């Protein structure tokens, strides 16, 4: 199904007309037969002997054959014109389908970019939150929370840079238990 109904209609009409005979060709064919019949009837009325009638009939048949040959050439030209119309309509249908496909690709890319931006924003939010957490931890490790929540400790020059508790020791690996203690 084509997205543009006018392109679909044009293609359908071109397909229908491709193998159809022109109404003008049918009328021209009828006129050739009528002309032949009228000319033969006149020749029969005016002929004085059979040889004259045969000669006139032969000439009439030659003229009729020429007229049919001309009609055949005109119909062949008309068929070529209709074939070109069909090719043009098929080309328009292909272009229309290409436009539809390109639009789908564009929409997919737009959706992909939007989802990518959402993921990036989400990652930035979590990054901001973790940065905030690390900032608080760093603040606390440097004694920023000392004296808060009723935990007052006098700050003097010897405490600066020495915020570790006195019972703190560096963790070491115990090869016997296989743990860090």
C-alpha atoms as a PDB file:
ATOM      1  CA  UNK A   1       0.000   0.000   0.000  1.00  0.00           C
ATOM      2  CA  UNK A   2       1.370   3.361  -0.972  1.00  0.00           C
ATOM      3  CA  UNK A   3       1.298   6.205   1.521  1.00  0.00           C
ATOM      4  CA  UNK A   4       0.165   8.729  -1.077  1.00  0.00           C
ATOM      5  CA  UNK A   5      -3.241   7.794  -2.545  1.00  0.00           C
ATOM      6  CA  UNK A   6      -2.671   9.928  -5.654  1.00  0.00           C
ATOM      7  CA  UNK A   7       0.473   7.956  -6.540  1.00  0.00           C
ATOM      8  CA  UNK A   8      -1.431   4.691  -6.025  1.00  0.00           C
ATOM      9  CA  UNK A   9      -4.286   5.959  -8.207  1.00  0.00           C
ATOM     10  CA  UNK A  10      -1.892   7.072 -10.936  1.00  0.00           C
ATOM     11  CA  UNK A  11      -0.113   3.700 -10.920  1.00  0.00           C
ATOM     12  CA  UNK A  12      -3.425   1.822 -11.052  1.00  0.00           C
ATOM     13  CA  UNK A  13      -4.651   3.913 -13.969  1.00  0.00           C
ATOM     14  CA  UNK A  14      -1.381   3.452 -15.859  1.00  0.00           C
ATOM     15  CA  UNK A  15      -1.557  -0.329 -15.319  1.00  0.00           C
ATOM     16  CA  UNK A  16      -5.156  -0.409 -16.542  1.00  0.00           C
ATOM     17  CA  UNK A  17      -4.498   1.699 -19.608  1.00  0.00           C
ATOM     18  CA  UNK A  18      -1.335  -0.162 -20.600  1.00  0.00           C
ATOM     19  CA  UNK A  19      -3.122  -3.090 -22.226  1.00  0.00           C
ATOM     20  CA  UNK A  20      -6.329  -1.265 -23.084  1.00  0.00           C
ATOM     21  CA  UNK A  21      -7.096  -0.286 -26.662  1.00  0.00           C
ATOM     22  CA  UNK A  22      -7.677   3.348 -27.406  1.00  0.00           C
ATOM     23  CA  UNK A  23     -11.344   4.131 -28.176  1.00  0.00           C
ATOM     24  CA  UNK A  24     -10.118   6.225 -31.095  1.00  0.00           C
ATOM     25  CA  UNK A  25      -8.472   3.115 -32.601  1.00  0.00           C
ATOM     26  CA  UNK A  26     -11.739   1.188 -32.474  1.00  0.00           C
ATOM     27  CA  UNK A  27     -13.551   4.110 -34.138  1.00  0.00           C
ATOM     28  CA  UNK A  28     -10.818   4.404 -36.787  1.00  0.00           C
ATOM     29  CA  UNK A  29     -11.085   0.665 -37.500  1.00  0.00           C
ATOM     30  CA  UNK A  30     -14.848   0.965 -37.906  1.00  0.00           C
ATOM     31  CA  UNK A  31     -14.362   3.941 -40.255  1.00  0.00           C
ATOM     32  CA  UNK A  32     -11.913   1.925 -42.397  1.00  0.00           C
ATOM     33  CA  UNK A  33     -14.441  -0.911 -42.736  1.00  0.00           C
ATOM     34  CA  UNK A  34     -17.243   1.561 -43.508  1.00  0.00           C
ATOM     35  CA  UNK A  35     -15.091   3.338 -46.094  1.00  0.00           C
ATOM     36  CA  UNK A  36     -14.215   0.017 -47.758  1.00  0.00           C
ATOM     37  CA  UNK A  37     -17.845  -1.085 -47.868  1.00  0.00           C
ATOM     38  CA  UNK A  38     -19.039   2.253 -49.260  1.00  0.00           C
ATOM     39  CA  UNK A  39     -16.316   2.299 -51.931  1.00  0.00           C
ATOM     40  CA  UNK A  40     -17.055  -1.299 -53.006  1.00  0.00           C
ATOM     41  CA  UNK A  41     -20.796  -0.518 -53.209  1.00  0.00           C
ATOM     42  CA  UNK A  42     -20.097   2.504 -55.432  1.00  0.00           C
ATOM     43  CA  UNK A  43     -17.747   0.427 -57.601  1.00  0.00           C
ATOM     44  CA  UNK A  44     -20.411  -2.250 -58.023  1.00  0.00           C
ATOM     45  CA  UNK A  45     -22.975   0.305 -59.108  1.00  0.00           C
ATOM     46  CA  UNK A  46     -20.630   1.993 -61.563  1.00  0.00           C
ATOM     47  CA  UNK A  47     -18.749  -0.995 -63.017  1.00  0.00           C
ATOM     48  CA  UNK A  48     -19.462  -1.921 -66.614  1.00  0.00           C
ATOM     49  CA  UNK A  49     -17.796  -5.356 -66.543  1.00  0.00           C
ATOM     50  CA  UNK A  50     -16.270  -7.821 -64.059  1.00  0.00           C
ATOM     51  CA  UNK A  51     -12.628  -7.006 -64.857  1.00  0.00           C
ATOM     52  CA  UNK A  52     -13.196  -3.346 -64.071  1.00  0.00           C
ATOM     53  CA  UNK A  53     -14.861  -4.359 -60.769  1.00  0.00           C
ATOM     54  CA  UNK A  54     -11.963  -6.714 -59.899  1.00  0.00           C
ATOM     55  CA  UNK A  55      -9.403  -3.979 -60.607  1.00  0.00           C
ATOM     56  CA  UNK A  56     -11.353  -1.455 -58.518  1.00  0.00           C
ATOM     57  CA  UNK A  57     -11.819  -4.018 -55.728  1.00  0.00           C
ATOM     58  CA  UNK A  58      -8.075  -4.709 -55.703  1.00  0.00           C
ATOM     59  CA  UNK A  59      -7.308  -0.986 -55.385  1.00  0.00           C
ATOM     60  CA  UNK A  60      -9.896  -0.639 -52.603  1.00  0.00           C
ATOM     61  CA  UNK A  61      -8.320  -3.579 -50.738  1.00  0.00           C
ATOM     62  CA  UNK A  62      -4.843  -2.024 -51.092  1.00  0.00           C
ATOM     63  CA  UNK A  63      -6.147   1.250 -49.682  1.00  0.00           C
ATOM     64  CA  UNK A  64      -7.817  -0.624 -46.818  1.00  0.00           C
ATOM     65  CA  UNK A  65      -4.586  -2.518 -46.047  1.00  0.00           C
ATOM     66  CA  UNK A  66      -2.648   0.762 -46.047  1.00  0.00           C
ATOM     67  CA  UNK A  67      -5.197   2.300 -43.686  1.00  0.00           C
ATOM     68  CA  UNK A  68      -4.902  -0.688 -41.317  1.00  0.00           C
ATOM     69  CA  UNK A  69      -1.089  -0.508 -41.437  1.00  0.00           C
ATOM     70  CA  UNK A  70      -1.251   3.194 -40.514  1.00  0.00           C
ATOM     71  CA  UNK A  71      -3.689   2.390 -37.710  1.00  0.00           C
ATOM     72  CA  UNK A  72      -1.369  -0.344 -36.451  1.00  0.00           C
ATOM     73  CA  UNK A  73       1.575   2.106 -36.398  1.00  0.00           C
ATOM     74  CA  UNK A  74      -0.502   4.652 -34.523  1.00  0.00           C
ATOM     75  CA  UNK A  75      -1.562   2.012 -31.997  1.00  0.00           C
ATOM     76  CA  UNK A  76       2.068   0.940 -31.502  1.00  0.00           C
ATOM     77  CA  UNK A  77       3.031   4.567 -30.844  1.00  0.00           C
ATOM     78  CA  UNK A  78       0.087   4.893 -28.470  1.00  0.00           C
ATOM     79  CA  UNK A  79       1.191   1.728 -26.626  1.00  0.00           C
ATOM     80  CA  UNK A  80       4.702   3.152 -26.249  1.00  0.00           C
ATOM     81  CA  UNK A  81       3.218   6.339 -24.811  1.00  0.00           C
ATOM     82  CA  UNK A  82       1.087   4.345 -22.360  1.00  0.00           C
ATOM     83  CA  UNK A  83       4.103   2.209 -21.450  1.00  0.00           C
ATOM     84  CA  UNK A  84       6.097   5.366 -20.681  1.00  0.00           C
ATOM     85  CA  UNK A  85       3.205   6.539 -18.496  1.00  0.00           C
ATOM     86  CA  UNK A  86       3.320   3.249 -16.613  1.00  0.00           C
ATOM     87  CA  UNK A  87       7.100   3.458 -16.157  1.00  0.00           C
ATOM     88  CA  UNK A  88       6.749   7.019 -14.846  1.00  0.00           C
ATOM     89  CA  UNK A  89       3.975   5.932 -12.458  1.00  0.00           C
ATOM     90  CA  UNK A  90       6.113   3.032 -11.207  1.00  0.00           C
ATOM     91  CA  UNK A  91       9.004   5.441 -10.694  1.00  0.00           C
ATOM     92  CA  UNK A  92       6.749   7.752  -8.695  1.00  0.00           C
ATOM     93  CA  UNK A  93       5.591   4.787  -6.588  1.00  0.00           C
ATOM     94  CA  UNK A  94       9.197   3.772  -5.929  1.00  0.00           C
ATOM     95  CA  UNK A  95      10.102   7.337  -4.957  1.00  0.00           C
ATOM     96  CA  UNK A  96       7.092   7.432  -2.641  1.00  0.00           C
ATOM     97  CA  UNK A  97       8.159   4.185  -0.961  1.00  0.00           C
ATOM     98  CA  UNK A  98      11.703   5.578  -0.626  1.00  0.00           C
ATOM     99  CA  UNK A  99      10.277   8.670   1.066  1.00  0.00           C
ATOM    100  CA  UNK A 100       8.289   6.478   3.464  1.00  0.00           C
ATOM    101  CA  UNK A 101      11.392   4.407   4.240  1.00  0.00           C
ATOM    102  CA  UNK A 102      13.562   7.502   4.764  1.00  0.00           C
ATOM    103  CA  UNK A 103      10.888   8.900   7.081  1.00  0.00           C
ATOM    104  CA  UNK A 104      10.915   5.667   9.102  1.00  0.00           C
ATOM    105  CA  UNK A 105      14.721   5.808   9.314  1.00  0.00           C
ATOM    106  CA  UNK A 106      14.541   9.460  10.419  1.00  0.00           C
ATOM    107  CA  UNK A 107      11.941   8.640  13.066  1.00  0.00           C
ATOM    108  CA  UNK A 108      14.035   5.713  14.330  1.00  0.00           C
ATOM    109  CA  UNK A 109      17.119   7.947  14.555  1.00  0.00           C
ATOM    110  CA  UNK A 110      15.122  10.635  16.363  1.00  0.00           C
ATOM    111  CA  UNK A 111      13.788   8.073  18.833  1.00  0.00           C
ATOM    112  CA  UNK A 112      17.278   6.642  19.322  1.00  0.00           C
ATOM    113  CA  UNK A 113      18.706  10.107  19.995  1.00  0.00           C
ATOM    114  CA  UNK A 114      15.917  10.928  22.451  1.00  0.00           C
ATOM    115  CA  UNK A 115      16.427   7.661  24.316  1.00  0.00           C
ATOM    116  CA  UNK A 116      20.181   8.246  24.305  1.00  0.00           C
ATOM    117  CA  UNK A 117      19.675  11.710  25.773  1.00  0.00           C
ATOM    118  CA  UNK A 118      17.375  10.248  28.432  1.00  0.00           C
ATOM    119  CA  UNK A 119      19.966   7.626  29.354  1.00  0.00           C
ATOM    120  CA  UNK A 120      22.689  10.293  29.477  1.00  0.00           C
ATOM    121  CA  UNK A 121      20.524  12.518  31.687  1.00  0.00           C
ATOM    122  CA  UNK A 122      19.743   9.592  33.954  1.00  0.00           C
ATOM    123  CA  UNK A 123      23.432   8.701  34.197  1.00  0.00           C
ATOM    124  CA  UNK A 124      24.254  12.339  34.953  1.00  0.00           C
ATOM    125  CA  UNK A 125      21.639  12.357  37.715  1.00  0.00           C
ATOM    126  CA  UNK A 126      23.130   9.270  39.336  1.00  0.00           C
ATOM    127  CA  UNK A 127      26.598  10.728  38.854  1.00  0.00           C
ATOM    128  CA  UNK A 128      25.524  13.938  40.549  1.00  0.00           C
ATOM    129  CA  UNK A 129      23.986  11.955  43.404  1.00  0.00           C
ATOM    130  CA  UNK A 130      27.118   9.848  43.870  1.00  0.00           C
ATOM    131  CA  UNK A 131      29.290  12.968  43.707  1.00  0.00           C
ATOM    132  CA  UNK A 132      27.129  14.461  46.423  1.00  0.00           C
ATOM    133  CA  UNK A 133      27.555  11.303  48.511  1.00  0.00           C
ATOM    134  CA  UNK A 134      31.306  11.261  48.031  1.00  0.00           C
ATOM    135  CA  UNK A 135      31.458  14.952  48.890  1.00  0.00           C
ATOM    136  CA  UNK A 136      29.600  14.314  52.128  1.00  0.00           C
ATOM    137  CA  UNK A 137      31.863  11.384  52.931  1.00  0.00           C
ATOM    138  CA  UNK A 138      34.931  13.479  52.263  1.00  0.00           C
ATOM    139  CA  UNK A 139      33.498  16.290  54.377  1.00  0.00           C
ATOM    140  CA  UNK A 140      32.832  13.863  57.192  1.00  0.00           C
ATOM    141  CA  UNK A 141      36.239  12.187  56.956  1.00  0.00           C
ATOM    142  CA  UNK A 142      37.907  15.570  57.271  1.00  0.00           C
ATOM    143  CA  UNK A 143      36.018  16.316  60.443  1.00  0.00           C
ATOM    144  CA  UNK A 144      33.260  18.397  58.972  1.00  0.00           C
ATOM    145  CA  UNK A 145      30.624  16.725  61.107  1.00  0.00           C
ATOM    146  CA  UNK A 146      32.628  17.035  64.344  1.00  0.00           C
ATOM    147  CA  UNK A 147      30.657  18.997  66.856  1.00  0.00           C
ATOM    148  CA  UNK A 148      27.335  18.313  65.165  1.00  0.00           C
ATOM    149  CA  UNK A 149      24.534  16.316  66.715  1.00  0.00           C
ATOM    150  CA  UNK A 150      25.794  16.902  70.267  1.00  0.00           C
ATOM    151  CA  UNK A 151      29.204  15.422  69.532  1.00  0.00           C
ATOM    152  CA  UNK A 152      31.267  18.445  70.487  1.00  0.00           C
ATOM    153  CA  UNK A 153      34.992  18.165  70.480  1.00  0.00           C
ATOM    154  CA  UNK A 154      37.268  21.128  70.818  1.00  0.00           C
ATOM    155  CA  UNK A 155      39.164  21.951  67.701  1.00  0.00           C
ATOM    156  CA  UNK A 156      42.746  23.023  68.191  1.00  0.00           C
ATOM    157  CA  UNK A 157      45.832  23.081  66.037  1.00  0.00           C
ATOM    158  CA  UNK A 158      46.893  19.514  66.783  1.00  0.00           C
ATOM    159  CA  UNK A 159      43.557  18.122  65.545  1.00  0.00           C
ATOM    160  CA  UNK A 160      43.888  19.585  62.049  1.00  0.00           C
ATOM    161  CA  UNK A 161      44.656  16.824  59.603  1.00  0.00           C
ATOM    162  CA  UNK A 162      44.408  14.160  62.327  1.00  0.00           C
ATOM    163  CA  UNK A 163      40.782  13.169  62.287  1.00  0.00           C
ATOM    164  CA  UNK A 164      41.246   9.396  62.509  1.00  0.00           C
ATOM    165  CA  UNK A 165      40.159   7.774  65.776  1.00  0.00           C
ATOM    166  CA  UNK A 166      42.933   6.638  68.063  1.00  0.00           C
ATOM    167  CA  UNK A 167      41.957   2.984  67.850  1.00  0.00           C
ATOM    168  CA  UNK A 168      42.082   2.921  64.057  1.00  0.00           C
ATOM    169  CA  UNK A 169      44.568   0.642  62.327  1.00  0.00           C
ATOM    170  CA  UNK A 170      45.278  -0.096  58.727  1.00  0.00           C
ATOM    171  CA  UNK A 171      43.510  -3.243  57.363  1.00  0.00           C
ATOM    172  CA  UNK A 172      45.892  -6.071  56.480  1.00  0.00           C
ATOM    173  CA  UNK A 173      45.476  -9.314  54.588  1.00  0.00           C
ATOM    174  CA  UNK A 174      45.524 -12.488  56.724  1.00  0.00           C
ATOM    175  CA  UNK A 175      46.874 -15.355  54.603  1.00  0.00           C
ATOM    176  CA  UNK A 176      45.621 -17.974  57.072  1.00  0.00           C
ATOM    177  CA  UNK A 177      41.974 -16.952  56.958  1.00  0.00           C
ATOM    178  CA  UNK A 178      42.151 -15.464  53.466  1.00  0.00           C
ATOM    179  CA  UNK A 179      40.450 -12.296  54.657  1.00  0.00           C
ATOM    180  CA  UNK A 180      41.290  -8.674  55.058  1.00  0.00           C
ATOM    181  CA  UNK A 181      41.321  -7.916  58.802  1.00  0.00           C
END
